[in-house]
Amino acid sequence: MPTLETLLLAAGGAAVAALLLLLVVALRPPRPAAAVEALGRGDFKSALRAGADPGAPRGARFAAAVAAKHELDLAAAARLLDELLAEDPADGESWLERGLVSAYAGDAVGAAAAFERAAALRADLAEPLALHRAWLAVRAGDLATARRLFEEIDAPLETKLHDLGEAEPLFAEWFLHAAAVWRALGDDARAAWAAAAGERAAPASRLREAVYSSGTGTAGPSGPSGGSPS
């Protein structure tokens, strides 16, 4: 039979092990999974709540910034992105998002400058940058620049959007920007398809209000709300 001393030693060891486990859990940095997963399913409110803490990991704060953009909480999105860029000025992805937030806030100059920084840092972002710059040109009423920028990506972008389908919330913004550009350039069929696809991809997003905001020359695409362009 175990002695009382043995039992006490075993109990003490278990208590120490439990205390160490609690310390490990308490000191472990929070995982970005909750914010990232919520963003991926288009639950922008949950993503913003899960990642807005200044002590959260980079991935969680970036997800929260994108979610804040979709919620049109542009102040929160700008704050989070500015924090990330202060920590890593070479973060091209955050520069791209910062440009989008500036554009929605009406700061076209700031948006263009942020897009320039993103382009210099991340060559792989050339396609989305061309799309977003074309949309920014449409907002400014500069259809010649919009056409020039969009011609570089028009065909491959349409193929990619068809391949993505309409179940990817993170690409809703691409659909909406493409819709605005197609509409401005007179392609009503593709504009109507892309606008509807963007709304179906992320029904909880409020970006449509900013993409087609009044006074920018980007009135919402008209036409049927479903189907693919002919």
C-alpha atoms as a PDB file:
ATOM      1  CA  MET A   1       0.000   0.000   0.000  1.00  0.00           C
ATOM      2  CA  PRO A   2       1.266   3.511  -0.807  1.00  0.00           C
ATOM      3  CA  THR A   3       2.301   5.469   2.236  1.00  0.00           C
ATOM      4  CA  LEU A   4       0.841   8.848   3.178  1.00  0.00           C
ATOM      5  CA  GLU A   5       4.153  10.462   2.173  1.00  0.00           C
ATOM      6  CA  THR A   6       3.925   8.889  -1.295  1.00  0.00           C
ATOM      7  CA  LEU A   7       0.358  10.062  -1.737  1.00  0.00           C
ATOM      8  CA  LEU A   8       1.254  13.600  -0.664  1.00  0.00           C
ATOM      9  CA  LEU A   9       4.202  13.680  -3.054  1.00  0.00           C
ATOM     10  CA  ALA A  10       1.998  12.447  -5.906  1.00  0.00           C
ATOM     11  CA  ALA A  11      -0.668  15.042  -5.133  1.00  0.00           C
ATOM     12  CA  GLY A  12       1.956  17.773  -4.939  1.00  0.00           C
ATOM     13  CA  GLY A  13       3.411  16.724  -8.263  1.00  0.00           C
ATOM     14  CA  ALA A  14      -0.012  16.774  -9.892  1.00  0.00           C
ATOM     15  CA  ALA A  15      -0.687  20.254  -8.504  1.00  0.00           C
ATOM     16  CA  VAL A  16       2.640  21.542  -9.848  1.00  0.00           C
ATOM     17  CA  ALA A  17       1.923  20.000 -13.254  1.00  0.00           C
ATOM     18  CA  ALA A  18      -1.532  21.611 -13.332  1.00  0.00           C
ATOM     19  CA  LEU A  19      -0.049  24.978 -12.365  1.00  0.00           C
ATOM     20  CA  LEU A  20       2.568  24.710 -15.111  1.00  0.00           C
ATOM     21  CA  LEU A  21      -0.141  23.866 -17.649  1.00  0.00           C
ATOM     22  CA  LEU A  22      -2.151  26.913 -16.597  1.00  0.00           C
ATOM     23  CA  LEU A  23       0.939  29.108 -16.941  1.00  0.00           C
ATOM     24  CA  VAL A  24       1.679  27.742 -20.419  1.00  0.00           C
ATOM     25  CA  VAL A  25      -1.908  28.398 -21.539  1.00  0.00           C
ATOM     26  CA  ALA A  26      -1.877  31.875 -20.002  1.00  0.00           C
ATOM     27  CA  LEU A  27       1.456  32.854 -21.556  1.00  0.00           C
ATOM     28  CA  ARG A  28       0.822  31.326 -24.976  1.00  0.00           C
ATOM     29  CA  PRO A  29       0.100  34.059 -27.537  1.00  0.00           C
ATOM     30  CA  PRO A  30      -3.483  34.056 -28.823  1.00  0.00           C
ATOM     31  CA  ARG A  31      -3.991  32.191 -32.071  1.00  0.00           C
ATOM     32  CA  PRO A  32      -5.243  34.093 -35.098  1.00  0.00           C
ATOM     33  CA  ALA A  33      -7.460  31.166 -36.091  1.00  0.00           C
ATOM     34  CA  ALA A  34     -10.737  32.573 -34.766  1.00  0.00           C
ATOM     35  CA  ALA A  35     -10.487  35.891 -36.594  1.00  0.00           C
ATOM     36  CA  VAL A  36      -9.139  34.338 -39.788  1.00  0.00           C
ATOM     37  CA  GLU A  37     -11.783  31.617 -39.864  1.00  0.00           C
ATOM     38  CA  ALA A  38     -14.586  34.104 -39.235  1.00  0.00           C
ATOM     39  CA  LEU A  39     -13.282  36.311 -42.041  1.00  0.00           C
ATOM     40  CA  GLY A  40     -13.098  33.342 -44.384  1.00  0.00           C
ATOM     41  CA  ARG A  41     -16.755  32.549 -43.910  1.00  0.00           C
ATOM     42  CA  GLY A  42     -17.834  36.163 -44.286  1.00  0.00           C
ATOM     43  CA  ASP A  43     -18.707  36.725 -40.625  1.00  0.00           C
ATOM     44  CA  PHE A  44     -17.102  40.157 -40.485  1.00  0.00           C
ATOM     45  CA  LYS A  45     -18.489  41.209 -37.106  1.00  0.00           C
ATOM     46  CA  SER A  46     -17.010  38.125 -35.425  1.00  0.00           C
ATOM     47  CA  ALA A  47     -13.679  38.540 -37.213  1.00  0.00           C
ATOM     48  CA  LEU A  48     -13.434  42.142 -36.053  1.00  0.00           C
ATOM     49  CA  ARG A  49     -14.252  41.203 -32.463  1.00  0.00           C
ATOM     50  CA  ALA A  50     -11.778  38.324 -32.459  1.00  0.00           C
ATOM     51  CA  GLY A  51      -8.805  40.205 -33.858  1.00  0.00           C
ATOM     52  CA  ALA A  52      -9.079  43.844 -32.848  1.00  0.00           C
ATOM     53  CA  ASP A  53      -7.060  43.490 -29.621  1.00  0.00           C
ATOM     54  CA  PRO A  54      -3.683  45.300 -29.980  1.00  0.00           C
ATOM     55  CA  GLY A  55      -2.014  42.258 -28.413  1.00  0.00           C
ATOM     56  CA  ALA A  56      -3.414  39.834 -30.980  1.00  0.00           C
ATOM     57  CA  PRO A  57      -1.097  38.170 -33.526  1.00  0.00           C
ATOM     58  CA  ARG A  58      -0.485  39.807 -36.874  1.00  0.00           C
ATOM     59  CA  GLY A  59      -2.806  37.432 -38.738  1.00  0.00           C
ATOM     60  CA  ALA A  60      -5.693  38.138 -36.394  1.00  0.00           C
ATOM     61  CA  ARG A  61      -5.256  41.913 -36.596  1.00  0.00           C
ATOM     62  CA  PHE A  62      -4.977  41.808 -40.382  1.00  0.00           C
ATOM     63  CA  ALA A  63      -8.170  39.746 -40.552  1.00  0.00           C
ATOM     64  CA  ALA A  64      -9.849  42.234 -38.222  1.00  0.00           C
ATOM     65  CA  ALA A  65      -8.738  45.135 -40.435  1.00  0.00           C
ATOM     66  CA  VAL A  66     -10.217  43.504 -43.541  1.00  0.00           C
ATOM     67  CA  ALA A  67     -13.398  42.729 -41.604  1.00  0.00           C
ATOM     68  CA  ALA A  68     -13.616  46.344 -40.411  1.00  0.00           C
ATOM     69  CA  LYS A  69     -13.324  47.452 -44.039  1.00  0.00           C
ATOM     70  CA  HIS A  70     -16.252  45.192 -44.986  1.00  0.00           C
ATOM     71  CA  GLU A  71     -18.199  46.666 -42.071  1.00  0.00           C
ATOM     72  CA  LEU A  72     -17.303  50.165 -43.342  1.00  0.00           C
ATOM     73  CA  ASP A  73     -15.712  50.848 -39.964  1.00  0.00           C
ATOM     74  CA  LEU A  74     -12.963  52.669 -41.796  1.00  0.00           C
ATOM     75  CA  ALA A  75     -11.461  54.257 -38.687  1.00  0.00           C
ATOM     76  CA  ALA A  76     -10.914  50.840 -37.093  1.00  0.00           C
ATOM     77  CA  ALA A  77      -9.549  49.405 -40.341  1.00  0.00           C
ATOM     78  CA  ALA A  78      -7.111  52.313 -40.726  1.00  0.00           C
ATOM     79  CA  ARG A  79      -5.957  52.048 -37.105  1.00  0.00           C
ATOM     80  CA  LEU A  80      -5.269  48.324 -37.354  1.00  0.00           C
ATOM     81  CA  LEU A  81      -3.469  48.620 -40.679  1.00  0.00           C
ATOM     82  CA  ASP A  82      -1.396  51.572 -39.472  1.00  0.00           C
ATOM     83  CA  GLU A  83      -0.320  49.508 -36.463  1.00  0.00           C
ATOM     84  CA  LEU A  84       0.703  46.625 -38.717  1.00  0.00           C
ATOM     85  CA  LEU A  85       2.597  48.924 -41.066  1.00  0.00           C
ATOM     86  CA  ALA A  86       4.395  50.621 -38.174  1.00  0.00           C
ATOM     87  CA  GLU A  87       5.604  47.178 -37.132  1.00  0.00           C
ATOM     88  CA  ASP A  88       6.490  46.099 -40.674  1.00  0.00           C
ATOM     89  CA  PRO A  89       6.686  48.870 -43.296  1.00  0.00           C
ATOM     90  CA  ALA A  90       7.466  46.209 -45.936  1.00  0.00           C
ATOM     91  CA  ASP A  91       4.071  44.521 -45.526  1.00  0.00           C
ATOM     92  CA  GLY A  92       2.780  44.887 -49.083  1.00  0.00           C
ATOM     93  CA  GLU A  93      -0.520  43.196 -48.328  1.00  0.00           C
ATOM     94  CA  SER A  94      -1.287  45.723 -45.613  1.00  0.00           C
ATOM     95  CA  TRP A  95      -0.336  48.587 -47.949  1.00  0.00           C
ATOM     96  CA  LEU A  96      -2.853  47.297 -50.497  1.00  0.00           C
ATOM     97  CA  GLU A  97      -5.575  47.157 -47.849  1.00  0.00           C
ATOM     98  CA  ARG A  98      -4.568  50.593 -46.576  1.00  0.00           C
ATOM     99  CA  GLY A  99      -5.043  51.940 -50.084  1.00  0.00           C
ATOM    100  CA  LEU A 100      -8.524  50.463 -50.293  1.00  0.00           C
ATOM    101  CA  VAL A 101      -9.499  51.906 -46.923  1.00  0.00           C
ATOM    102  CA  SER A 102      -8.223  55.330 -47.996  1.00  0.00           C
ATOM    103  CA  ALA A 103     -10.190  55.088 -51.231  1.00  0.00           C
ATOM    104  CA  TYR A 104     -13.425  54.272 -49.418  1.00  0.00           C
ATOM    105  CA  ALA A 105     -12.756  57.195 -47.081  1.00  0.00           C
ATOM    106  CA  GLY A 106     -12.500  59.518 -50.069  1.00  0.00           C
ATOM    107  CA  ASP A 107      -8.722  59.978 -49.946  1.00  0.00           C
ATOM    108  CA  ALA A 108      -7.762  59.208 -53.553  1.00  0.00           C
ATOM    109  CA  VAL A 109      -4.236  60.614 -53.142  1.00  0.00           C
ATOM    110  CA  GLY A 110      -3.568  58.473 -50.080  1.00  0.00           C
ATOM    111  CA  ALA A 111      -5.024  55.437 -51.832  1.00  0.00           C
ATOM    112  CA  ALA A 112      -2.788  55.906 -54.870  1.00  0.00           C
ATOM    113  CA  ALA A 113       0.293  56.322 -52.680  1.00  0.00           C
ATOM    114  CA  ALA A 114      -0.502  53.163 -50.715  1.00  0.00           C
ATOM    115  CA  PHE A 115      -1.054  51.205 -53.922  1.00  0.00           C
ATOM    116  CA  GLU A 116       2.358  52.413 -55.135  1.00  0.00           C
ATOM    117  CA  ARG A 117       3.979  51.093 -51.962  1.00  0.00           C
ATOM    118  CA  ALA A 118       2.211  47.750 -52.343  1.00  0.00           C
ATOM    119  CA  ALA A 119       3.295  47.445 -55.989  1.00  0.00           C
ATOM    120  CA  ALA A 120       6.928  48.158 -55.098  1.00  0.00           C
ATOM    121  CA  LEU A 121       6.912  45.499 -52.389  1.00  0.00           C
ATOM    122  CA  ARG A 122       4.811  42.699 -53.873  1.00  0.00           C
ATOM    123  CA  ALA A 123       5.012  41.924 -57.590  1.00  0.00           C
ATOM    124  CA  ASP A 124       2.504  39.099 -57.062  1.00  0.00           C
ATOM    125  CA  LEU A 125      -0.179  41.685 -56.227  1.00  0.00           C
ATOM    126  CA  ALA A 126      -0.039  43.185 -59.728  1.00  0.00           C
ATOM    127  CA  GLU A 127      -3.430  41.820 -60.820  1.00  0.00           C
ATOM    128  CA  PRO A 128      -5.534  42.969 -57.860  1.00  0.00           C
ATOM    129  CA  LEU A 129      -3.678  46.286 -57.842  1.00  0.00           C
ATOM    130  CA  ALA A 130      -4.529  46.847 -61.517  1.00  0.00           C
ATOM    131  CA  LEU A 131      -8.179  46.093 -60.741  1.00  0.00           C
ATOM    132  CA  HIS A 132      -8.318  48.390 -57.721  1.00  0.00           C
ATOM    133  CA  ARG A 133      -6.462  51.172 -59.538  1.00  0.00           C
ATOM    134  CA  ALA A 134      -8.874  50.908 -62.468  1.00  0.00           C
ATOM    135  CA  TRP A 135     -11.780  51.192 -60.045  1.00  0.00           C
ATOM    136  CA  LEU A 136     -10.116  54.190 -58.367  1.00  0.00           C
ATOM    137  CA  ALA A 137      -9.767  55.821 -61.793  1.00  0.00           C
ATOM    138  CA  VAL A 138     -13.462  55.214 -62.458  1.00  0.00           C
ATOM    139  CA  ARG A 139     -14.286  56.931 -59.176  1.00  0.00           C
ATOM    140  CA  ALA A 140     -12.251  59.911 -60.340  1.00  0.00           C
ATOM    141  CA  GLY A 141     -14.042  59.939 -63.692  1.00  0.00           C
ATOM    142  CA  ASP A 142     -10.818  59.092 -65.536  1.00  0.00           C
ATOM    143  CA  LEU A 143     -12.171  56.442 -67.899  1.00  0.00           C
ATOM    144  CA  ALA A 144      -9.119  56.539 -70.172  1.00  0.00           C
ATOM    145  CA  THR A 145      -6.850  55.457 -67.312  1.00  0.00           C
ATOM    146  CA  ALA A 146      -9.405  52.934 -66.088  1.00  0.00           C
ATOM    147  CA  ARG A 147      -9.619  51.402 -69.554  1.00  0.00           C
ATOM    148  CA  ARG A 148      -5.828  51.254 -69.939  1.00  0.00           C
ATOM    149  CA  LEU A 149      -5.335  49.591 -66.566  1.00  0.00           C
ATOM    150  CA  PHE A 150      -8.244  47.191 -66.971  1.00  0.00           C
ATOM    151  CA  GLU A 151      -7.268  46.043 -70.473  1.00  0.00           C
ATOM    152  CA  GLU A 152      -4.178  44.420 -68.948  1.00  0.00           C
ATOM    153  CA  ILE A 153      -6.226  42.089 -66.754  1.00  0.00           C
ATOM    154  CA  ASP A 154      -9.746  41.996 -68.236  1.00  0.00           C
ATOM    155  CA  ALA A 155      -9.697  38.500 -69.794  1.00  0.00           C
ATOM    156  CA  PRO A 156      -7.651  36.678 -67.119  1.00  0.00           C
ATOM    157  CA  LEU A 157      -9.625  38.394 -64.375  1.00  0.00           C
ATOM    158  CA  GLU A 158     -12.964  37.246 -65.786  1.00  0.00           C
ATOM    159  CA  THR A 159     -11.627  33.695 -66.043  1.00  0.00           C
ATOM    160  CA  LYS A 160     -10.404  33.818 -62.460  1.00  0.00           C
ATOM    161  CA  LEU A 161     -13.713  35.178 -61.179  1.00  0.00           C
ATOM    162  CA  HIS A 162     -15.599  32.395 -62.955  1.00  0.00           C
ATOM    163  CA  ASP A 163     -13.197  29.836 -61.483  1.00  0.00           C
ATOM    164  CA  LEU A 164     -13.668  31.249 -57.991  1.00  0.00           C
ATOM    165  CA  GLY A 165     -17.414  31.047 -58.265  1.00  0.00           C
ATOM    166  CA  GLU A 166     -19.544  32.920 -55.797  1.00  0.00           C
ATOM    167  CA  ALA A 167     -18.724  31.179 -52.530  1.00  0.00           C
ATOM    168  CA  GLU A 168     -15.558  33.060 -51.577  1.00  0.00           C
ATOM    169  CA  PRO A 169     -16.312  36.046 -49.313  1.00  0.00           C
ATOM    170  CA  LEU A 170     -12.749  37.328 -49.542  1.00  0.00           C
ATOM    171  CA  PHE A 171     -13.119  37.880 -53.279  1.00  0.00           C
ATOM    172  CA  ALA A 172     -16.422  39.752 -53.092  1.00  0.00           C
ATOM    173  CA  GLU A 173     -14.517  43.023 -53.383  1.00  0.00           C
ATOM    174  CA  TRP A 174     -12.929  41.865 -56.654  1.00  0.00           C
ATOM    175  CA  PHE A 175     -16.373  41.134 -58.085  1.00  0.00           C
ATOM    176  CA  LEU A 176     -17.707  44.522 -56.977  1.00  0.00           C
ATOM    177  CA  HIS A 177     -14.762  46.492 -58.354  1.00  0.00           C
ATOM    178  CA  ALA A 178     -14.877  44.602 -61.639  1.00  0.00           C
ATOM    179  CA  ALA A 179     -18.606  45.309 -61.826  1.00  0.00           C
ATOM    180  CA  ALA A 180     -18.041  49.034 -61.329  1.00  0.00           C
ATOM    181  CA  VAL A 181     -15.348  49.149 -64.011  1.00  0.00           C
ATOM    182  CA  TRP A 182     -17.300  47.057 -66.519  1.00  0.00           C
ATOM    183  CA  ARG A 183     -20.323  49.267 -65.958  1.00  0.00           C
ATOM    184  CA  ALA A 184     -18.315  52.460 -66.463  1.00  0.00           C
ATOM    185  CA  LEU A 185     -16.803  51.051 -69.660  1.00  0.00           C
ATOM    186  CA  GLY A 186     -20.225  50.151 -71.042  1.00  0.00           C
ATOM    187  CA  ASP A 187     -20.262  46.370 -70.504  1.00  0.00           C
ATOM    188  CA  ASP A 188     -23.603  46.110 -68.720  1.00  0.00           C
ATOM    189  CA  ALA A 189     -23.937  42.320 -68.981  1.00  0.00           C
ATOM    190  CA  ARG A 190     -20.685  41.508 -67.227  1.00  0.00           C
ATOM    191  CA  ALA A 191     -21.247  44.336 -64.763  1.00  0.00           C
ATOM    192  CA  ALA A 192     -24.618  42.920 -63.702  1.00  0.00           C
ATOM    193  CA  TRP A 193     -23.196  39.423 -63.349  1.00  0.00           C
ATOM    194  CA  ALA A 194     -20.181  40.532 -61.280  1.00  0.00           C
ATOM    195  CA  ALA A 195     -22.255  42.801 -59.030  1.00  0.00           C
ATOM    196  CA  ALA A 196     -24.707  40.035 -58.221  1.00  0.00           C
ATOM    197  CA  ALA A 197     -21.884  37.523 -57.710  1.00  0.00           C
ATOM    198  CA  GLY A 198     -20.128  39.886 -55.325  1.00  0.00           C
ATOM    199  CA  GLU A 199     -23.239  40.332 -53.230  1.00  0.00           C
ATOM    200  CA  ARG A 200     -23.833  36.584 -53.094  1.00  0.00           C
ATOM    201  CA  ALA A 201     -20.213  35.932 -52.145  1.00  0.00           C
ATOM    202  CA  ALA A 202     -20.433  38.145 -49.044  1.00  0.00           C
ATOM    203  CA  PRO A 203     -24.031  39.103 -48.231  1.00  0.00           C
ATOM    204  CA  ALA A 204     -22.981  40.553 -44.862  1.00  0.00           C
ATOM    205  CA  SER A 205     -20.486  42.968 -46.432  1.00  0.00           C
ATOM    206  CA  ARG A 206     -21.350  46.664 -46.624  1.00  0.00           C
ATOM    207  CA  LEU A 207     -18.712  47.370 -49.262  1.00  0.00           C
ATOM    208  CA  ARG A 208     -21.337  47.734 -51.971  1.00  0.00           C
ATOM    209  CA  GLU A 209     -22.400  50.994 -50.315  1.00  0.00           C
ATOM    210  CA  ALA A 210     -18.891  52.395 -50.776  1.00  0.00           C
ATOM    211  CA  VAL A 211     -18.075  50.851 -54.158  1.00  0.00           C
ATOM    212  CA  TYR A 212     -21.211  52.346 -55.706  1.00  0.00           C
ATOM    213  CA  SER A 213     -21.327  55.448 -53.534  1.00  0.00           C
ATOM    214  CA  SER A 214     -23.091  58.455 -54.994  1.00  0.00           C
ATOM    215  CA  GLY A 215     -21.130  61.222 -56.646  1.00  0.00           C
ATOM    216  CA  THR A 216     -18.321  58.945 -57.822  1.00  0.00           C
ATOM    217  CA  GLY A 217     -19.593  58.001 -61.236  1.00  0.00           C
ATOM    218  CA  THR A 218     -20.006  54.394 -60.121  1.00  0.00           C
ATOM    219  CA  ALA A 219     -23.731  53.880 -59.797  1.00  0.00           C
ATOM    220  CA  GLY A 220     -24.605  50.286 -59.080  1.00  0.00           C
ATOM    221  CA  PRO A 221     -24.745  48.026 -62.103  1.00  0.00           C
ATOM    222  CA  SER A 222     -28.226  47.502 -63.421  1.00  0.00           C
ATOM    223  CA  GLY A 223     -29.614  44.456 -65.092  1.00  0.00           C
ATOM    224  CA  PRO A 224     -30.572  40.953 -64.012  1.00  0.00           C
ATOM    225  CA  SER A 225     -29.298  39.853 -60.631  1.00  0.00           C
ATOM    226  CA  GLY A 226     -28.181  36.399 -61.628  1.00  0.00           C
ATOM    227  CA  GLY A 227     -26.570  34.321 -64.294  1.00  0.00           C
ATOM    228  CA  SER A 228     -23.346  34.756 -66.201  1.00  0.00           C
ATOM    229  CA  PRO A 229     -22.633  37.297 -68.880  1.00  0.00           C
ATOM    230  CA  SER A 230     -23.120  36.123 -72.406  1.00  0.00           C
END
